[in-house]
PDB file of all heavy atoms in Angstrom:
ATOM      1  N   SER A   1      25.967  16.249 -50.254  1.00  0.00           N
ATOM      2  CA  SER A   1      24.774  15.674 -50.938  1.00  0.00           C
ATOM      3  C   SER A   1      25.073  15.307 -52.380  1.00  0.00           C
ATOM      4  O   SER A   1      25.949  15.993 -52.947  1.00  0.00           O
ATOM      5  CB  SER A   1      23.683  16.537 -50.760  1.00  0.00           C
ATOM      6  OG  SER A   1      23.344  16.745 -49.409  1.00  0.00           O
ATOM      7  N   SER A   2      24.356  14.404 -52.908  1.00  0.00           N
ATOM      8  CA  SER A   2      24.430  14.117 -54.283  1.00  0.00           C
ATOM      9  C   SER A   2      23.867  15.251 -55.132  1.00  0.00           C
ATOM     10  O   SER A   2      22.630  15.706 -54.834  1.00  0.00           O
ATOM     11  CB  SER A   2      23.790  12.701 -54.563  1.00  0.00           C
ATOM     12  OG  SER A   2      23.815  12.456 -56.039  1.00  0.00           O
ATOM     13  N   TYR A   3      24.392  15.584 -56.104  1.00  0.00           N
ATOM     14  CA  TYR A   3      23.861  16.618 -57.018  1.00  0.00           C
ATOM     15  C   TYR A   3      23.845  16.116 -58.482  1.00  0.00           C
ATOM     16  O   TYR A   3      24.609  15.229 -58.904  1.00  0.00           O
ATOM     17  CB  TYR A   3      24.768  17.871 -57.081  1.00  0.00           C
ATOM     18  CG  TYR A   3      24.660  18.737 -55.834  1.00  0.00           C
ATOM     19  CD1 TYR A   3      25.278  18.430 -54.645  1.00  0.00           C
ATOM     20  CD2 TYR A   3      23.809  19.834 -55.922  1.00  0.00           C
ATOM     21  CE1 TYR A   3      25.162  19.241 -53.484  1.00  0.00           C
ATOM     22  CE2 TYR A   3      23.730  20.757 -54.668  1.00  0.00           C
ATOM     23  CZ  TYR A   3      24.399  20.306 -53.622  1.00  0.00           C
ATOM     24  OH  TYR A   3      24.205  21.097 -52.485  1.00  0.00           O
ATOM     25  N   THR A   4      22.857  16.582 -59.167  1.00  0.00           N
ATOM     26  CA  THR A   4      22.890  16.456 -60.599  1.00  0.00           C
ATOM     27  C   THR A   4      23.280  17.843 -61.345  1.00  0.00           C
ATOM     28  O   THR A   4      22.659  18.825 -60.935  1.00  0.00           O
ATOM     29  CB  THR A   4      21.507  16.017 -61.173  1.00  0.00           C
ATOM     30  OG1 THR A   4      21.217  14.753 -60.751  1.00  0.00           O
ATOM     31  CG2 THR A   4      21.457  15.982 -62.697  1.00  0.00           C
ATOM     32  N   MET A   5      24.124  17.704 -62.127  1.00  0.00           N
ATOM     33  CA  MET A   5      24.712  18.927 -62.886  1.00  0.00           C
ATOM     34  C   MET A   5      24.206  18.862 -64.251  1.00  0.00           C
ATOM     35  O   MET A   5      24.354  17.856 -64.952  1.00  0.00           O
ATOM     36  CB  MET A   5      26.211  19.002 -62.790  1.00  0.00           C
ATOM     37  CG  MET A   5      26.753  18.905 -61.443  1.00  0.00           C
ATOM     38  SD  MET A   5      26.321  20.327 -60.451  1.00  0.00           S
ATOM     39  CE  MET A   5      27.180  21.669 -61.257  1.00  0.00           C
ATOM     40  N   GLY A   6      23.609  19.963 -64.723  1.00  0.00           N
ATOM     41  CA  GLY A   6      23.125  19.919 -66.093  1.00  0.00           C
ATOM     42  C   GLY A   6      23.869  21.024 -66.897  1.00  0.00           C
ATOM     43  O   GLY A   6      24.207  22.111 -66.371  1.00  0.00           O
ATOM     44  N   TRP A   7      23.982  20.779 -68.203  1.00  0.00           N
ATOM     45  CA  TRP A   7      24.436  21.883 -69.193  1.00  0.00           C
ATOM     46  C   TRP A   7      23.231  22.138 -70.030  1.00  0.00           C
ATOM     47  O   TRP A   7      22.566  21.234 -70.616  1.00  0.00           O
ATOM     48  CB  TRP A   7      25.608  21.488 -69.914  1.00  0.00           C
ATOM     49  CG  TRP A   7      26.902  21.405 -69.278  1.00  0.00           C
ATOM     50  CD1 TRP A   7      27.570  20.388 -68.682  1.00  0.00           C
ATOM     51  CD2 TRP A   7      27.733  22.575 -69.096  1.00  0.00           C
ATOM     52  NE1 TRP A   7      28.746  20.757 -68.118  1.00  0.00           N
ATOM     53  CE2 TRP A   7      28.784  22.140 -68.396  1.00  0.00           C
ATOM     54  CE3 TRP A   7      27.672  23.999 -69.515  1.00  0.00           C
ATOM     55  CZ2 TRP A   7      29.858  23.092 -68.043  1.00  0.00           C
ATOM     56  CZ3 TRP A   7      28.664  24.787 -69.131  1.00  0.00           C
ATOM     57  CH2 TRP A   7      29.834  24.328 -68.446  1.00  0.00           C
ATOM     58  N   PHE A   8      22.971  23.415 -70.201  1.00  0.00           N
ATOM     59  CA  PHE A   8      21.849  23.884 -71.069  1.00  0.00           C
ATOM     60  C   PHE A   8      22.500  24.946 -72.032  1.00  0.00           C
ATOM     61  O   PHE A   8      23.493  25.505 -71.791  1.00  0.00           O
ATOM     62  CB  PHE A   8      20.767  24.461 -70.322  1.00  0.00           C
ATOM     63  CG  PHE A   8      19.991  23.517 -69.461  1.00  0.00           C
ATOM     64  CD1 PHE A   8      20.404  23.042 -68.235  1.00  0.00           C
ATOM     65  CD2 PHE A   8      18.744  23.004 -69.946  1.00  0.00           C
ATOM     66  CE1 PHE A   8      19.706  22.123 -67.527  1.00  0.00           C
ATOM     67  CE2 PHE A   8      18.007  22.033 -69.273  1.00  0.00           C
ATOM     68  CZ  PHE A   8      18.511  21.638 -67.990  1.00  0.00           C
ATOM     69  N   ARG A   9      21.679  25.210 -73.148  1.00  0.00           N
ATOM     70  CA  ARG A   9      22.114  26.264 -73.958  1.00  0.00           C
ATOM     71  C   ARG A   9      20.866  26.935 -74.529  1.00  0.00           C
ATOM     72  O   ARG A   9      19.767  26.453 -74.609  1.00  0.00           O
ATOM     73  CB  ARG A   9      22.916  25.738 -75.197  1.00  0.00           C
ATOM     74  CG  ARG A   9      22.097  24.848 -76.097  1.00  0.00           C
ATOM     75  CD  ARG A   9      23.090  24.256 -77.136  1.00  0.00           C
ATOM     76  NE  ARG A   9      22.444  23.356 -78.174  1.00  0.00           N
ATOM     77  CZ  ARG A   9      23.091  22.726 -79.118  1.00  0.00           C
ATOM     78  NH1 ARG A   9      24.327  22.749 -79.199  1.00  0.00           N
ATOM     79  NH2 ARG A   9      22.384  21.956 -79.855  1.00  0.00           N
ATOM     80  N   GLN A  10      21.065  28.212 -74.889  1.00  0.00           N
ATOM     81  CA  GLN A  10      19.938  28.978 -75.347  1.00  0.00           C
ATOM     82  C   GLN A  10      20.374  29.974 -76.443  1.00  0.00           C
ATOM     83  O   GLN A  10      21.326  30.792 -76.290  1.00  0.00           O
ATOM     84  CB  GLN A  10      19.276  29.880 -74.293  1.00  0.00           C
ATOM     85  CG  GLN A  10      18.008  30.504 -74.588  1.00  0.00           C
ATOM     86  CD  GLN A  10      17.185  30.993 -73.436  1.00  0.00           C
ATOM     87  OE1 GLN A  10      17.740  31.110 -72.337  1.00  0.00           O
ATOM     88  NE2 GLN A  10      15.941  31.170 -73.541  1.00  0.00           N
ATOM     89  N   ALA A  11      19.850  29.742 -77.626  1.00  0.00           N
ATOM     90  CA  ALA A  11      20.110  30.602 -78.732  1.00  0.00           C
ATOM     91  C   ALA A  11      19.093  31.687 -78.819  1.00  0.00           C
ATOM     92  O   ALA A  11      18.004  31.570 -78.311  1.00  0.00           O
ATOM     93  CB  ALA A  11      20.147  29.709 -80.049  1.00  0.00           C
ATOM     94  N   PRO A  12      19.415  32.804 -79.525  1.00  0.00           N
ATOM     95  CA  PRO A  12      18.443  33.912 -79.543  1.00  0.00           C
ATOM     96  C   PRO A  12      17.078  33.479 -80.132  1.00  0.00           C
ATOM     97  O   PRO A  12      16.982  32.883 -81.088  1.00  0.00           O
ATOM     98  CB  PRO A  12      19.137  34.893 -80.458  1.00  0.00           C
ATOM     99  CG  PRO A  12      20.555  34.627 -80.340  1.00  0.00           C
ATOM    100  CD  PRO A  12      20.634  33.115 -80.108  1.00  0.00           C
ATOM    101  N   GLY A  13      16.033  33.841 -79.424  1.00  0.00           N
ATOM    102  CA  GLY A  13      14.680  33.528 -79.860  1.00  0.00           C
ATOM    103  C   GLY A  13      14.318  32.123 -79.640  1.00  0.00           C
ATOM    104  O   GLY A  13      13.084  31.683 -80.065  1.00  0.00           O
ATOM    105  N   LYS A  14      15.143  31.285 -79.011  1.00  0.00           N
ATOM    106  CA  LYS A  14      14.791  29.928 -78.847  1.00  0.00           C
ATOM    107  C   LYS A  14      14.705  29.577 -77.327  1.00  0.00           C
ATOM    108  O   LYS A  14      15.124  30.329 -76.508  1.00  0.00           O
ATOM    109  CB  LYS A  14      15.823  28.935 -79.401  1.00  0.00           C
ATOM    110  CG  LYS A  14      15.784  29.079 -80.979  1.00  0.00           C
ATOM    111  CD  LYS A  14      16.735  27.967 -81.579  1.00  0.00           C
ATOM    112  CE  LYS A  14      16.594  28.057 -83.047  1.00  0.00           C
ATOM    113  NZ  LYS A  14      17.455  27.011 -83.687  1.00  0.00           N
ATOM    114  N   GLU A  15      14.010  28.459 -76.976  1.00  0.00           N
ATOM    115  CA  GLU A  15      13.918  28.028 -75.560  1.00  0.00           C
ATOM    116  C   GLU A  15      15.193  27.437 -75.118  1.00  0.00           C
ATOM    117  O   GLU A  15      16.095  26.962 -75.971  1.00  0.00           O
ATOM    118  CB  GLU A  15      12.806  27.054 -75.508  1.00  0.00           C
ATOM    119  CG  GLU A  15      11.382  27.535 -75.747  1.00  0.00           C
ATOM    120  CD  GLU A  15      10.334  26.503 -75.382  1.00  0.00           C
ATOM    121  OE1 GLU A  15      10.672  25.372 -75.132  1.00  0.00           O
ATOM    122  OE2 GLU A  15       9.183  26.943 -75.415  1.00  0.00           O
ATOM    123  N   ARG A  16      15.389  27.424 -73.804  1.00  0.00           N
ATOM    124  CA  ARG A  16      16.627  26.870 -73.202  1.00  0.00           C
ATOM    125  C   ARG A  16      16.638  25.348 -73.418  1.00  0.00           C
ATOM    126  O   ARG A  16      15.574  24.645 -73.191  1.00  0.00           O
ATOM    127  CB  ARG A  16      16.662  27.203 -71.804  1.00  0.00           C
ATOM    128  CG  ARG A  16      18.042  26.864 -71.093  1.00  0.00           C
ATOM    129  CD  ARG A  16      18.206  27.642 -69.810  1.00  0.00           C
ATOM    130  NE  ARG A  16      18.317  29.074 -70.040  1.00  0.00           N
ATOM    131  CZ  ARG A  16      18.635  29.952 -69.083  1.00  0.00           C
ATOM    132  NH1 ARG A  16      18.985  29.566 -67.856  1.00  0.00           N
ATOM    133  NH2 ARG A  16      18.767  31.223 -69.343  1.00  0.00           N
ATOM    134  N   GLU A  17      17.701  24.832 -74.036  1.00  0.00           N
ATOM    135  CA  GLU A  17      17.712  23.380 -74.458  1.00  0.00           C
ATOM    136  C   GLU A  17      18.663  22.620 -73.508  1.00  0.00           C
ATOM    137  O   GLU A  17      19.752  23.121 -73.289  1.00  0.00           O
ATOM    138  CB  GLU A  17      18.159  23.372 -75.949  1.00  0.00           C
ATOM    139  CG  GLU A  17      18.440  21.975 -76.394  1.00  0.00           C
ATOM    140  CD  GLU A  17      19.000  21.950 -77.815  1.00  0.00           C
ATOM    141  OE1 GLU A  17      19.553  23.054 -78.103  1.00  0.00           O
ATOM    142  OE2 GLU A  17      19.070  20.869 -78.426  1.00  0.00           O
ATOM    143  N   PHE A  18      18.245  21.402 -73.148  1.00  0.00           N
ATOM    144  CA  PHE A  18      19.092  20.574 -72.458  1.00  0.00           C
ATOM    145  C   PHE A  18      20.159  19.997 -73.352  1.00  0.00           C
ATOM    146  O   PHE A  18      19.922  19.418 -74.386  1.00  0.00           O
ATOM    147  CB  PHE A  18      18.242  19.408 -71.931  1.00  0.00           C
ATOM    148  CG  PHE A  18      19.115  18.270 -71.182  1.00  0.00           C
ATOM    149  CD1 PHE A  18      19.515  18.550 -69.863  1.00  0.00           C
ATOM    150  CD2 PHE A  18      19.370  17.038 -71.742  1.00  0.00           C
ATOM    151  CE1 PHE A  18      20.222  17.590 -69.130  1.00  0.00           C
ATOM    152  CE2 PHE A  18      20.057  16.091 -71.159  1.00  0.00           C
ATOM    153  CZ  PHE A  18      20.594  16.325 -69.748  1.00  0.00           C
ATOM    154  N   VAL A  19      21.363  20.140 -72.939  1.00  0.00           N
ATOM    155  CA  VAL A  19      22.655  19.643 -73.718  1.00  0.00           C
ATOM    156  C   VAL A  19      23.072  18.219 -73.081  1.00  0.00           C
ATOM    157  O   VAL A  19      23.304  17.209 -73.790  1.00  0.00           O
ATOM    158  CB  VAL A  19      23.833  20.654 -73.588  1.00  0.00           C
ATOM    159  CG1 VAL A  19      24.967  20.045 -74.241  1.00  0.00           C
ATOM    160  CG2 VAL A  19      23.376  21.840 -74.304  1.00  0.00           C
ATOM    161  N   GLY A  20      23.141  18.224 -71.695  1.00  0.00           N
ATOM    162  CA  GLY A  20      23.601  16.938 -71.167  1.00  0.00           C
ATOM    163  C   GLY A  20      23.769  17.131 -69.655  1.00  0.00           C
ATOM    164  O   GLY A  20      23.664  18.315 -69.135  1.00  0.00           O
ATOM    165  N   GLY A  21      23.953  16.090 -68.945  1.00  0.00           N
ATOM    166  CA  GLY A  21      24.160  16.123 -67.516  1.00  0.00           C
ATOM    167  C   GLY A  21      25.023  15.065 -66.951  1.00  0.00           C
ATOM    168  O   GLY A  21      25.260  14.156 -67.621  1.00  0.00           O
ATOM    169  N   ILE A  22      25.396  15.314 -65.651  1.00  0.00           N
ATOM    170  CA  ILE A  22      26.149  14.267 -64.969  1.00  0.00           C
ATOM    171  C   ILE A  22      25.837  14.264 -63.493  1.00  0.00           C
ATOM    172  O   ILE A  22      25.531  15.319 -62.894  1.00  0.00           O
ATOM    173  CB  ILE A  22      27.708  14.602 -65.143  1.00  0.00           C
ATOM    174  CG1 ILE A  22      28.560  13.446 -64.643  1.00  0.00           C
ATOM    175  CG2 ILE A  22      28.023  15.982 -64.512  1.00  0.00           C
ATOM    176  CD1 ILE A  22      30.021  13.652 -64.958  1.00  0.00           C
ATOM    177  N   THR A  23      25.832  13.132 -62.867  1.00  0.00           N
ATOM    178  CA  THR A  23      25.480  13.029 -61.453  1.00  0.00           C
ATOM    179  C   THR A  23      26.850  13.182 -60.776  1.00  0.00           C
ATOM    180  O   THR A  23      27.877  12.389 -61.134  1.00  0.00           O
ATOM    181  CB  THR A  23      24.855  11.697 -61.062  1.00  0.00           C
ATOM    182  OG1 THR A  23      25.634  10.599 -61.552  1.00  0.00           O
ATOM    183  CG2 THR A  23      23.473  11.595 -61.791  1.00  0.00           C
ATOM    184  N   TRP A  24      26.982  14.056 -59.767  1.00  0.00           N
ATOM    185  CA  TRP A  24      28.199  14.366 -59.249  1.00  0.00           C
ATOM    186  C   TRP A  24      28.868  13.113 -58.510  1.00  0.00           C
ATOM    187  O   TRP A  24      30.105  12.909 -58.685  1.00  0.00           O
ATOM    188  CB  TRP A  24      27.995  15.502 -58.245  1.00  0.00           C
ATOM    189  CG  TRP A  24      29.407  16.110 -58.092  1.00  0.00           C
ATOM    190  CD1 TRP A  24      30.618  15.565 -57.506  1.00  0.00           C
ATOM    191  CD2 TRP A  24      29.807  17.465 -58.539  1.00  0.00           C
ATOM    192  NE1 TRP A  24      31.638  16.453 -57.555  1.00  0.00           N
ATOM    193  CE2 TRP A  24      31.214  17.623 -58.245  1.00  0.00           C
ATOM    194  CE3 TRP A  24      29.139  18.449 -59.222  1.00  0.00           C
ATOM    195  CZ2 TRP A  24      31.801  18.892 -58.532  1.00  0.00           C
ATOM    196  CZ3 TRP A  24      29.807  19.583 -59.510  1.00  0.00           C
ATOM    197  CH2 TRP A  24      31.122  19.785 -59.187  1.00  0.00           C
ATOM    198  N   ASN A  25      28.196  12.381 -57.746  1.00  0.00           N
ATOM    199  CA  ASN A  25      28.778  11.363 -57.060  1.00  0.00           C
ATOM    200  C   ASN A  25      29.096  10.130 -57.862  1.00  0.00           C
ATOM    201  O   ASN A  25      30.155   9.469 -57.725  1.00  0.00           O
ATOM    202  CB  ASN A  25      27.793  10.892 -55.860  1.00  0.00           C
ATOM    203  CG  ASN A  25      27.842  11.969 -54.651  1.00  0.00           C
ATOM    204  OD1 ASN A  25      28.524  12.969 -54.736  1.00  0.00           O
ATOM    205  ND2 ASN A  25      26.978  11.696 -53.685  1.00  0.00           N
ATOM    206  N   GLU A  26      28.151   9.754 -58.684  1.00  0.00           N
ATOM    207  CA  GLU A  26      28.259   8.552 -59.450  1.00  0.00           C
ATOM    208  C   GLU A  26      29.004   8.676 -60.839  1.00  0.00           C
ATOM    209  O   GLU A  26      29.613   7.737 -61.358  1.00  0.00           O
ATOM    210  CB  GLU A  26      26.921   7.854 -59.832  1.00  0.00           C
ATOM    211  CG  GLU A  26      26.072   7.493 -58.587  1.00  0.00           C
ATOM    212  CD  GLU A  26      25.285   8.622 -57.974  1.00  0.00           C
ATOM    213  OE1 GLU A  26      25.404   9.774 -58.607  1.00  0.00           O
ATOM    214  OE2 GLU A  26      24.644   8.499 -56.923  1.00  0.00           O
ATOM    215  N   GLY A  27      28.964   9.874 -61.340  1.00  0.00           N
ATOM    216  CA  GLY A  27      29.559  10.199 -62.657  1.00  0.00           C
ATOM    217  C   GLY A  27      28.726   9.687 -63.744  1.00  0.00           C
ATOM    218  O   GLY A  27      29.304   9.578 -64.978  1.00  0.00           O
ATOM    219  N   ASN A  28      27.417   9.364 -63.594  1.00  0.00           N
ATOM    220  CA  ASN A  28      26.599   8.948 -64.700  1.00  0.00           C
ATOM    221  C   ASN A  28      26.250  10.208 -65.630  1.00  0.00           C
ATOM    222  O   ASN A  28      25.974  11.311 -65.155  1.00  0.00           O
ATOM    223  CB  ASN A  28      25.371   8.403 -64.183  1.00  0.00           C
ATOM    224  CG  ASN A  28      25.517   7.042 -63.338  1.00  0.00           C
ATOM    225  OD1 ASN A  28      26.514   6.379 -63.508  1.00  0.00           O
ATOM    226  ND2 ASN A  28      24.805   6.929 -62.368  1.00  0.00           N
TER     227      ASN A  28
END
């Protein structure tokens, strides 16, 4: 199945932040 992969980061005392993502099949 097609998946979306995301990278997130979280610094102390902060919310989890979206860094970036890629669609596994298409590579977008």
